[in-house]
Amino acid sequence: MKKLSVIFLFLSISVIAFALITVMNKVDEKINELEVNLAAQNARLQSLEDYVNNLSPDSLFNKEWFLIKLALARVESNDNPNAVNPWTFASGIFQIMPIFIAEANRLQDSIVFTKDCVWDITLSNQMVEIITAHHNPKRTIAGLARTHNPTAGNWYKERIIKEYEYLKQLSFNL
């Protein structure tokens, strides 16, 4: 009987130990996941800092337009200048497509931009500015949504507005 109690106690301790090890492994997995998410968030913050540092002086003087373009970047790429859409191959912080590059070049009357320009935040910003100046001179969110993604529905404009309102709220808290 005493041997049976010892065996039962040993088995109980083994089950508890196994459960603790399983829980500890789950905690380690969650910690690793959080560390990966934090690293990704830090990378996005760095890309935002790069974006701000590479803005044209005109954009810096117009806070509202700056926030609208930042909202567009958040909607398009979640502030990731290395983003690529696997379906459309739109790329960069503004998810620029070849037709957008062609339009920016057409408006310049020369080939200034290439497909590699989408990876450069400054050049991407210049393309957005050139196309906006021609197709959306009043610089409205609706006009930006229409020129940047003409086939998207009203949901696209609403997402940009939502991000813009969020960023505007943040900027008032600075």
Foldseek 3Di string as FASTA:
>chain_A
DVVVVVVVVVVVVVVVVVVVVVVVVVVVVVVVVVVVVVVVVVQLVVLVVLLVVLDDPVCVVVVLLVLLVVLLLCLQPVSAQQDADPPQRQGGSNSHHPVLQVVLQVLVVHNPDDPVLSSPSNSVNVSLVSQCVPQPVVSDLVSSQCSSPVVDDPVSSVSSVVSSVVVVVVVVVD
